[in-house]
Structure formats: structure tokens, C-alpha cells
Amino acid sequence: MSETILELQEIYKSFGDTPVLQGIGLKAAQGEFITLLGSSGCGKTTTLRIIAGLETPDQGRVLLEGRDMTQAPPNKRDVNTVFQNYALFPHMNVEQNVGYALKIRKRPKGEIKEEVKKMLELVQLSGFERRMPGELSGGQRQRVAIARSLINRPKLLLLDEPLGALDLQLRRQMQQELKRLQKKLGITFIYITHDQEEALNMSDRIAVMKDGRFQQVGTPSQVYDSPLTSYVARFVGTANIVQGTVGTVSGDLVEFVGQNGKTSFGSRGHSFVPGSPVTLAVRGEQAQAVKGEEGPGLAGVVKEKSFSGGMLRIAVELSGGEEFICSRHGIDWELAPGDRVRINWQPEHACPVDLPRTESGEG
């Protein structure tokens, strides 16, 4: 993946006095699967509509294959969109829905029939040509919508929460199907979701959005293991956020001094000055709570113990009043509510976040 298909350059957009996008920039390569991940109102759908030509940015440029298409109408862009509500024509059967884009381009009937056959095979709906949309399940209707969007081989496919209306089991099945299709066809996908699991499972890269800005753009492992901000750490996979100051610095090993104890973290290539404030993100599954009040670590008291989804969850109240969650596989732990504990982690498992923008990289 090297050829840049899409580039957004410093895109700003407001509706009235409300800023929606605040200078976002993004590049998408040929055959890449990029997910815009964020909560409702963060600017995901507005970004997609600007790429599609359904909205015009107040400032900035949209480049498709290097050409400035900022002011170009939707029908002049080699881009298709799949919506959550399928948007199928209810009076047309599956064959007519899928072949519609070729029909309005006045392709020969024989060619349309052959291309529709290929697309239905691709989405595993062979034999459904005469079915009407009302006779299909939600998953089948979504496959028809995808086939219709792909039949003219767009350079870019935009997907606006396309699986949001499906039940959990079908949603997971369709995640696999979409990824298979995308890799088979080599088309660039820009995908919108607020579901972190969906983003982590499907994407080559994830752009985490908040308040009209990209908090971080990176691979799933970069976003999960090395979040740049406390928002990303909490939104993707959830993490504990602890604040303190820098103690001694020895090479890549940095001492963390909290009001409830001392431990350490890895510098991850950043520079830290003793006495300066620092914020760390630590995943619950990468932290250990050990009974006792002596030794290194952050002091706290076990408040709650619960089991869910194969993981045992221990909620600890640190001496400063903050909650810290430790988790591990299994159904039991020797700790019980009321036990005094020390929390520790391997230095490489604590990630410094909310560093100055010059330190934090892309996004």
C-alpha cells in the first residue's frame, strides 16, 4: 500500500456557530482499511460527507488521487457510500438494485447481468436475484447494499456505521465478510463506527476522533498499546489513568511518584525532567495488585470483586480516592474487599499520555 488515494488537508467545518471539524488531516493509501472511531457528535459523519461531496468544508482541501475535488459534486467523484439503513430501492428486486449503477451508465443488459452475478457470488447471495428487499434479512439487505456500491469498482468506499442495525452475532459475521471483501477487491475503505472492538478487529489504521479533531491515527496495536492521550486510552479498550510527578530518570527507566506510592515506567523515547508532572495510562490486565502495605507500588484498598466474560475484575480505591481496575483471566483471586494492596506493573506496560503536541506525533 503506497499510492495515496485520499488526502484531507486541514479540513475545517462549522454549522452556524458550532465548530464540527477543526483542522483534520488524513492520508489513505490504495487498498487500506481506515476506521474513524469516536463517540456521537465527534465529527465522523461530517468527515465522510465531505469526502463524498455531500458537504463542502469551510476551509481545507479534499484530494482524490492527487486531484483537488473539494468543490466537485458527488457524481464526479469515484466514491460510493454504504449507509446503516441500506437505502435499497424497495420496488426493485436484488438484481435490479445491484445493477442500478451500471444501468444509469447505459451499460449493455448482458454486461449488467454478468456483473451482478459476479457481485452476488462475492457477497454470497447467488440465487437471490429475484428477491425483493422486504423478503431479505437485515444481513442480506446489507450485503445487497454493499454489492450495489462495489459493482462499478469505486476507488474509495465510504461506510457509515453499516453494521449498526444488526444483532451482535450477525454483526461479527459481517465484520469478517467486509474485511474479506475489502482485501479481495483491494478497494480503499473509510469506515465509521463508535464500536472500539469493531475498529480493532477490522482496521489497518484507526483515526480516533474527539470534538472535531483526530486524537491519534495509527495501527490498532499503536492505538491500544501506545495511546497518545488519556481520552484514547480510556476510549479504546479502557485504561486506568494515574497522575503524579517524575522522580529519578535512569536511561529509559523513569520513576513515577504518586501521592500513594512510587513505581516506574518506560520513557518510550520521550524526555522527562525530574519534578515535572506526568500522566500514565495502564491497562487493567497489565497491572498486578498484591496484598500488603509494604514495598513499591501504589497503595489502595480493594473495594469490589466481580467476574464477567472470563475476566476477574478487582476495583481498588487508591489512597488519593481514585479508582484503579486490575483484571485477569480466571474466576478467583486471593484478594477480597477491604484488603490493603499495592499496585504495580512492568515499566513497559505504563504509557505516558497527554504529552505536549510536539511530543505526541500524528493526529
Protein backbone atom coordinates (compact mmCIF):
# COMPACT_ATOMS: atom_id res chain seq x y z
CA MET A 1 0.00 0.00 0.00
CA SER A 2 1.82 3.07 -1.23
CA GLU A 3 -0.28 5.07 -3.72
CA THR A 4 -2.29 7.75 -1.91
CA ILE A 5 -5.96 7.58 -2.92
CA LEU A 6 -7.37 10.15 -0.50
CA GLU A 7 -5.83 13.12 1.27
CA LEU A 8 -7.62 15.50 3.61
CA GLN A 9 -5.71 18.73 4.19
CA GLU A 10 -6.56 20.93 7.20
CA ILE A 11 -10.32 20.46 6.96
CA TYR A 12 -12.49 22.86 8.96
CA LYS A 13 -16.28 22.79 9.08
CA SER A 14 -18.84 24.60 11.22
CA PHE A 15 -22.62 24.57 11.26
CA GLY A 16 -23.69 28.03 12.34
CA ASP A 17 -21.55 28.96 15.34
CA THR A 18 -20.77 25.33 16.17
CA PRO A 19 -17.37 24.05 15.01
CA VAL A 20 -17.61 20.40 13.89
CA LEU A 21 -14.22 19.76 12.29
CA GLN A 22 -11.15 21.65 13.47
CA GLY A 23 -8.25 21.21 11.07
CA ILE A 24 -8.19 17.45 10.48
CA GLY A 25 -5.71 15.88 8.08
CA LEU A 26 -5.53 12.29 6.84
CA LYS A 27 -3.97 10.21 4.05
CA ALA A 28 -5.41 6.89 2.86
CA ALA A 29 -3.42 4.52 0.67
CA GLN A 30 -4.60 2.19 -2.08
CA GLY A 31 -6.23 -0.88 -0.52
CA GLU A 32 -6.16 0.46 3.04
CA PHE A 33 -8.95 -0.05 5.60
CA ILE A 34 -9.19 3.07 7.79
CA THR A 35 -11.74 3.44 10.57
CA LEU A 36 -12.92 6.76 12.01
CA LEU A 37 -13.66 5.88 15.63
CA GLY A 38 -15.36 8.13 18.14
CA SER A 39 -18.49 8.87 20.13
CA SER A 40 -21.59 10.52 18.69
CA GLY A 41 -21.04 14.15 17.69
CA CYS A 42 -17.27 13.92 17.28
CA GLY A 43 -17.36 14.71 13.53
CA LYS A 44 -17.12 11.25 11.92
CA THR A 45 -20.16 11.51 9.65
CA THR A 46 -19.39 15.10 8.64
CA THR A 47 -15.92 13.95 7.58
CA LEU A 48 -17.45 11.18 5.47
CA ARG A 49 -19.96 13.55 3.87
CA ILE A 50 -17.14 15.96 2.95
CA ILE A 51 -15.20 13.12 1.30
CA ALA A 52 -18.34 12.07 -0.59
CA GLY A 53 -19.06 15.64 -1.74
CA LEU A 54 -22.32 15.90 0.23
CA GLU A 55 -20.84 18.74 2.32
CA THR A 56 -18.26 21.40 1.46
CA PRO A 57 -15.57 22.30 4.01
CA ASP A 58 -15.26 25.90 5.18
CA GLN A 59 -11.51 25.57 4.79
CA GLY A 60 -9.09 22.92 3.56
CA ARG A 61 -8.86 20.56 0.59
CA VAL A 62 -10.02 17.08 -0.40
CA LEU A 63 -7.65 15.35 -2.82
CA LEU A 64 -8.62 12.16 -4.65
CA GLU A 65 -5.68 10.52 -6.44
CA GLY A 66 -3.86 13.84 -6.14
CA ARG A 67 -6.63 15.90 -7.77
CA ASP A 68 -8.36 18.67 -5.83
CA MET A 69 -12.02 17.57 -5.63
CA THR A 70 -13.06 19.91 -2.79
CA GLN A 71 -15.75 21.62 -4.85
CA ALA A 72 -16.62 18.67 -7.11
CA PRO A 73 -20.17 17.25 -6.86
CA PRO A 74 -20.67 13.66 -5.68
CA ASN A 75 -21.24 12.26 -9.19
CA LYS A 76 -17.81 13.50 -10.28
CA ARG A 77 -16.01 11.56 -7.54
CA ASP A 78 -15.03 7.90 -7.85
CA VAL A 79 -16.52 7.30 -4.41
CA ASN A 80 -19.53 5.27 -3.19
CA THR A 81 -21.20 5.19 0.22
CA VAL A 82 -22.90 2.41 2.22
CA PHE A 83 -25.32 3.62 4.91
CA GLN A 84 -26.61 1.96 8.06
CA ASN A 85 -30.19 1.95 6.73
CA TYR A 86 -29.18 0.13 3.50
CA ALA A 87 -31.04 2.67 1.26
CA LEU A 88 -32.23 -0.06 -1.15
CA PHE A 89 -34.97 0.69 -3.67
CA PRO A 90 -37.99 -1.15 -2.21
CA HIS A 91 -39.71 -1.57 -5.60
CA MET A 92 -36.66 -3.21 -7.22
CA ASN A 93 -35.51 -6.79 -6.75
CA VAL A 94 -31.96 -7.69 -5.74
CA GLU A 95 -30.69 -7.92 -9.31
CA GLN A 96 -32.13 -4.52 -10.20
CA ASN A 97 -30.79 -2.88 -7.03
CA VAL A 98 -27.27 -4.21 -7.52
CA GLY A 99 -27.18 -3.40 -11.24
CA TYR A 100 -28.67 0.09 -10.93
CA ALA A 101 -25.35 1.95 -11.07
CA LEU A 102 -24.45 0.23 -14.34
CA LYS A 103 -27.94 0.76 -15.78
CA ILE A 104 -27.78 4.55 -15.36
CA ARG A 105 -24.39 4.42 -17.09
CA LYS A 106 -26.21 2.73 -20.00
CA ARG A 107 -24.15 -0.46 -19.94
CA PRO A 108 -25.43 -3.34 -22.12
CA LYS A 109 -28.01 -5.59 -20.42
CA GLY A 110 -25.86 -8.67 -20.87
CA GLU A 111 -22.88 -6.99 -19.22
CA ILE A 112 -25.03 -5.79 -16.31
CA LYS A 113 -26.42 -9.28 -15.76
CA GLU A 114 -22.93 -10.80 -15.76
CA GLU A 115 -21.52 -8.18 -13.36
CA VAL A 116 -24.48 -8.57 -10.99
CA LYS A 117 -23.91 -12.33 -10.98
CA LYS A 118 -20.24 -11.82 -10.04
CA MET A 119 -21.07 -9.37 -7.25
CA LEU A 120 -23.74 -11.62 -5.74
CA GLU A 121 -21.28 -14.50 -5.75
CA LEU A 122 -18.80 -12.24 -4.00
CA VAL A 123 -21.26 -11.36 -1.21
CA GLN A 124 -22.57 -14.94 -1.09
CA LEU A 125 -26.08 -14.16 -2.34
CA SER A 126 -26.19 -16.23 -5.53
CA GLY A 127 -29.77 -17.25 -6.28
CA PHE A 128 -31.30 -14.19 -4.61
CA GLU A 129 -31.64 -12.18 -7.84
CA ARG A 130 -35.47 -12.15 -7.84
CA ARG A 131 -35.96 -11.48 -4.13
CA MET A 132 -37.39 -8.13 -3.07
CA PRO A 133 -35.73 -6.15 -0.23
CA GLY A 134 -38.70 -6.85 2.05
CA GLU A 135 -38.04 -10.58 1.69
CA LEU A 136 -34.47 -10.36 2.96
CA SER A 137 -32.98 -10.41 6.45
CA GLY A 138 -31.03 -7.41 7.75
CA GLY A 139 -27.71 -9.06 6.98
CA GLN A 140 -28.82 -9.96 3.47
CA ARG A 141 -30.04 -6.42 2.78
CA GLN A 142 -26.70 -5.05 3.94
CA ARG A 143 -24.86 -7.42 1.58
CA VAL A 144 -27.04 -6.22 -1.30
CA ALA A 145 -26.22 -2.60 -0.41
CA ILE A 146 -22.51 -3.43 -0.36
CA ALA A 147 -22.71 -5.27 -3.70
CA ARG A 148 -24.52 -2.30 -5.26
CA SER A 149 -21.82 0.07 -4.01
CA LEU A 150 -18.97 -2.12 -5.27
CA ILE A 151 -20.28 -3.10 -8.70
CA ASN A 152 -18.69 -0.14 -10.51
CA ARG A 153 -15.39 -0.68 -8.66
CA PRO A 154 -15.02 2.73 -6.94
CA LYS A 155 -11.56 3.81 -5.85
CA LEU A 156 -12.97 4.61 -2.42
CA LEU A 157 -15.85 3.09 -0.45
CA LEU A 158 -17.28 5.02 2.50
CA LEU A 159 -19.20 3.04 5.11
CA ASP A 160 -21.27 4.95 7.67
CA GLU A 161 -21.87 2.56 10.59
CA PRO A 162 -23.12 -0.09 8.12
CA LEU A 163 -23.48 -2.82 10.77
CA GLY A 164 -25.15 -0.70 13.45
CA ALA A 165 -28.64 -2.15 12.89
CA LEU A 166 -27.55 -5.81 13.07
CA ASP A 167 -27.59 -8.09 16.11
CA LEU A 168 -24.27 -8.92 17.76
CA GLN A 169 -23.73 -12.36 16.20
CA LEU A 170 -24.56 -11.19 12.68
CA ARG A 171 -22.50 -8.05 13.22
CA ARG A 172 -19.39 -10.10 13.99
CA GLN A 173 -20.02 -12.32 10.97
CA MET A 174 -20.39 -9.28 8.72
CA GLN A 175 -17.17 -7.78 10.10
CA GLN A 176 -15.31 -10.81 8.77
CA GLU A 177 -17.18 -10.67 5.45
CA LEU A 178 -16.43 -6.98 4.94
CA LYS A 179 -12.75 -7.45 5.67
CA ARG A 180 -12.60 -10.43 3.28
CA LEU A 181 -14.29 -8.41 0.53
CA GLN A 182 -12.05 -5.42 1.05
CA LYS A 183 -8.86 -7.45 0.82
CA LYS A 184 -10.10 -9.43 -2.19
CA LEU A 185 -11.05 -6.32 -4.17
CA GLY A 186 -8.19 -4.07 -2.98
CA ILE A 187 -10.53 -1.08 -2.64
CA THR A 188 -9.81 1.58 -0.02
CA PHE A 189 -12.43 1.59 2.76
CA ILE A 190 -13.14 4.53 5.06
CA TYR A 191 -15.33 3.10 7.80
CA ILE A 192 -17.24 4.85 10.59
CA THR A 193 -18.05 3.27 13.95
CA HIS A 194 -18.28 4.05 17.65
CA ASP A 195 -17.56 0.38 18.45
CA GLN A 196 -13.94 0.01 19.57
CA GLU A 197 -13.95 -3.78 19.14
CA GLU A 198 -15.13 -3.41 15.55
CA ALA A 199 -12.39 -0.88 14.83
CA LEU A 200 -9.65 -3.02 16.39
CA ASN A 201 -10.75 -6.16 14.52
CA MET A 202 -11.17 -4.69 11.04
CA SER A 203 -8.80 -1.78 10.51
CA ASP A 204 -5.34 -1.31 9.06
CA ARG A 205 -5.35 2.07 10.81
CA ILE A 206 -7.70 3.81 13.22
CA ALA A 207 -8.31 7.56 13.49
CA VAL A 208 -9.70 8.27 16.97
CA MET A 209 -11.83 11.43 16.92
CA LYS A 210 -12.94 13.80 19.66
CA ASP A 211 -14.51 17.24 19.29
CA GLY A 212 -13.71 17.50 15.59
CA ARG A 213 -10.04 16.58 15.91
CA PHE A 214 -8.01 13.42 15.46
CA GLN A 215 -6.64 12.48 18.86
CA GLN A 216 -4.49 9.74 17.30
CA VAL A 217 -4.06 7.99 13.96
CA GLY A 218 -2.28 4.65 13.99
CA THR A 219 -2.48 0.89 13.68
CA PRO A 220 -4.75 -0.98 16.11
CA SER A 221 -1.71 -2.05 18.15
CA GLN A 222 -0.35 1.52 18.26
CA VAL A 223 -3.69 2.93 19.41
CA TYR A 224 -4.23 0.20 22.00
CA ASP A 225 -0.70 -0.30 23.34
CA SER A 226 0.65 3.24 22.91
CA PRO A 227 -2.22 5.72 23.28
CA LEU A 228 -1.18 9.35 22.94
CA THR A 229 -3.90 10.84 25.11
CA SER A 230 -5.89 9.82 28.17
CA TYR A 231 -9.04 10.02 26.01
CA VAL A 232 -7.70 7.43 23.56
CA ALA A 233 -6.51 5.21 26.42
CA ARG A 234 -9.96 5.24 28.02
CA PHE A 235 -12.00 5.07 24.81
CA VAL A 236 -10.11 2.22 23.14
CA GLY A 237 -10.10 -0.78 25.44
CA THR A 238 -10.41 1.31 28.63
CA ALA A 239 -7.39 2.05 30.80
CA ASN A 240 -6.52 3.40 34.23
CA ILE A 241 -5.22 6.98 34.25
CA VAL A 242 -2.88 7.93 37.10
CA GLN A 243 -1.20 11.27 37.70
CA GLY A 244 2.00 12.03 39.55
CA THR A 245 5.45 13.53 39.10
CA VAL A 246 8.72 12.36 37.62
CA GLY A 247 11.29 11.07 40.12
CA THR A 248 14.72 9.87 39.10
CA VAL A 249 15.49 9.17 35.44
CA SER A 250 17.89 6.34 34.56
CA GLY A 251 18.17 5.81 30.81
CA ASP A 252 14.76 4.60 29.56
CA LEU A 253 13.53 3.89 33.10
CA VAL A 254 11.63 6.71 34.80
CA GLU A 255 10.46 6.75 38.41
CA PHE A 256 6.77 7.60 38.91
CA VAL A 257 5.92 9.35 42.18
CA GLY A 258 2.25 9.35 43.11
CA GLN A 259 0.62 10.60 46.29
CA ASN A 260 0.02 6.96 47.17
CA GLY A 261 3.41 5.45 46.37
CA LYS A 262 6.21 5.03 43.87
CA THR A 263 6.71 2.77 40.85
CA SER A 264 8.27 3.19 37.39
CA PHE A 265 7.52 3.43 33.67
CA GLY A 266 9.40 3.28 30.37
CA SER A 267 10.20 6.59 28.67
CA ARG A 268 9.20 5.26 25.20
CA GLY A 269 11.68 7.65 23.61
CA HIS A 270 10.40 10.79 25.33
CA SER A 271 12.45 13.06 27.58
CA PHE A 272 11.35 13.59 31.19
CA VAL A 273 12.59 16.10 33.76
CA PRO A 274 12.62 15.19 37.47
CA GLY A 275 9.87 17.01 39.36
CA SER A 276 7.68 17.59 36.29
CA PRO A 277 4.06 16.32 36.20
CA VAL A 278 3.31 13.12 34.27
CA THR A 279 0.17 11.16 33.41
CA LEU A 280 0.25 7.42 32.79
CA ALA A 281 -2.22 5.03 31.15
CA VAL A 282 -2.14 1.43 32.40
CA ARG A 283 -4.39 -1.37 31.12
CA GLY A 284 -6.10 -3.34 33.87
CA GLU A 285 -4.88 -6.67 32.51
CA GLN A 286 -1.27 -5.41 32.70
CA ALA A 287 -1.39 -4.36 36.36
CA GLN A 288 -0.98 -6.53 39.45
CA ALA A 289 -2.50 -5.99 42.88
CA VAL A 290 -0.61 -7.68 45.75
CA LYS A 291 -1.85 -7.86 49.32
CA GLY A 292 0.19 -5.86 51.82
CA GLU A 293 1.23 -2.31 52.66
CA GLU A 294 4.98 -2.63 52.27
CA GLY A 295 7.10 -2.37 49.14
CA PRO A 296 6.92 -0.49 45.82
CA GLY A 297 3.70 0.36 44.06
CA LEU A 298 0.59 2.47 44.58
CA ALA A 299 -1.27 1.91 47.84
CA GLY A 300 -5.00 1.24 47.90
CA VAL A 301 -7.90 -0.78 49.31
CA VAL A 302 -9.92 -3.42 47.43
CA LYS A 303 -13.49 -2.17 47.07
CA GLU A 304 -15.12 -4.65 44.74
CA LYS A 305 -14.51 -8.03 43.11
CA SER A 306 -16.55 -9.24 40.13
CA PHE A 307 -16.40 -11.79 37.30
CA SER A 308 -17.54 -11.21 33.72
CA GLY A 309 -16.66 -12.55 30.28
CA GLY A 310 -13.89 -14.81 31.52
CA MET A 311 -12.15 -11.98 33.39
CA LEU A 312 -11.99 -11.33 37.11
CA ARG A 313 -12.16 -7.61 37.90
CA ILE A 314 -10.74 -6.05 41.06
CA ALA A 315 -11.69 -2.44 41.81
CA VAL A 316 -9.14 -0.73 44.07
CA GLU A 317 -9.55 2.69 45.68
CA LEU A 318 -6.17 4.38 45.77
CA SER A 319 -5.25 6.44 48.82
CA GLY A 320 -5.99 9.61 46.88
CA GLY A 321 -9.56 8.44 46.20
CA GLU A 322 -9.11 7.43 42.53
CA GLU A 323 -10.38 4.06 41.29
CA PHE A 324 -7.92 1.63 39.70
CA ILE A 325 -9.10 -1.55 37.97
CA CYS A 326 -6.97 -4.69 37.81
CA SER A 327 -8.18 -7.68 35.80
CA ARG A 328 -7.03 -11.16 34.93
CA HIS A 329 -8.33 -14.42 33.47
CA GLY A 330 -9.89 -16.88 35.90
CA ILE A 331 -12.72 -16.93 38.36
CA ASP A 332 -10.95 -16.26 41.64
CA TRP A 333 -8.25 -14.16 43.25
CA GLU A 334 -6.96 -14.34 46.80
CA LEU A 335 -7.89 -10.69 47.34
CA ALA A 336 -11.16 -9.66 48.99
CA PRO A 337 -12.94 -6.35 49.61
CA GLY A 338 -11.23 -4.48 52.45
CA ASP A 339 -7.74 -5.86 51.74
CA ARG A 340 -4.96 -3.30 51.58
CA VAL A 341 -2.87 -3.76 48.44
CA ARG A 342 0.00 -2.34 46.40
CA ILE A 343 -0.49 -1.98 42.63
CA ASN A 344 2.42 -2.45 40.29
CA TRP A 345 3.17 -3.07 36.61
CA GLN A 346 6.08 -3.79 34.32
CA PRO A 347 7.63 -0.43 33.24
CA GLU A 348 6.96 -1.12 29.54
CA HIS A 349 3.23 -1.55 30.27
CA ALA A 350 2.74 2.02 31.53
CA CYS A 351 2.28 4.54 28.72
CA PRO A 352 2.84 8.29 29.27
CA VAL A 353 -0.06 10.25 27.76
CA ASP A 354 -1.17 13.86 27.21
CA LEU A 355 2.36 14.97 26.35
CA PRO A 356 2.85 18.29 24.51
CA ARG A 357 1.68 18.09 20.88
CA THR A 358 5.24 18.22 19.57
CA GLU A 359 5.88 15.03 21.53
CA SER A 360 2.72 13.18 20.63
CA GLY A 361 3.14 12.58 16.90
CA GLU A 362 0.47 12.14 14.23
CA GLY A 363 -3.12 13.04 14.89
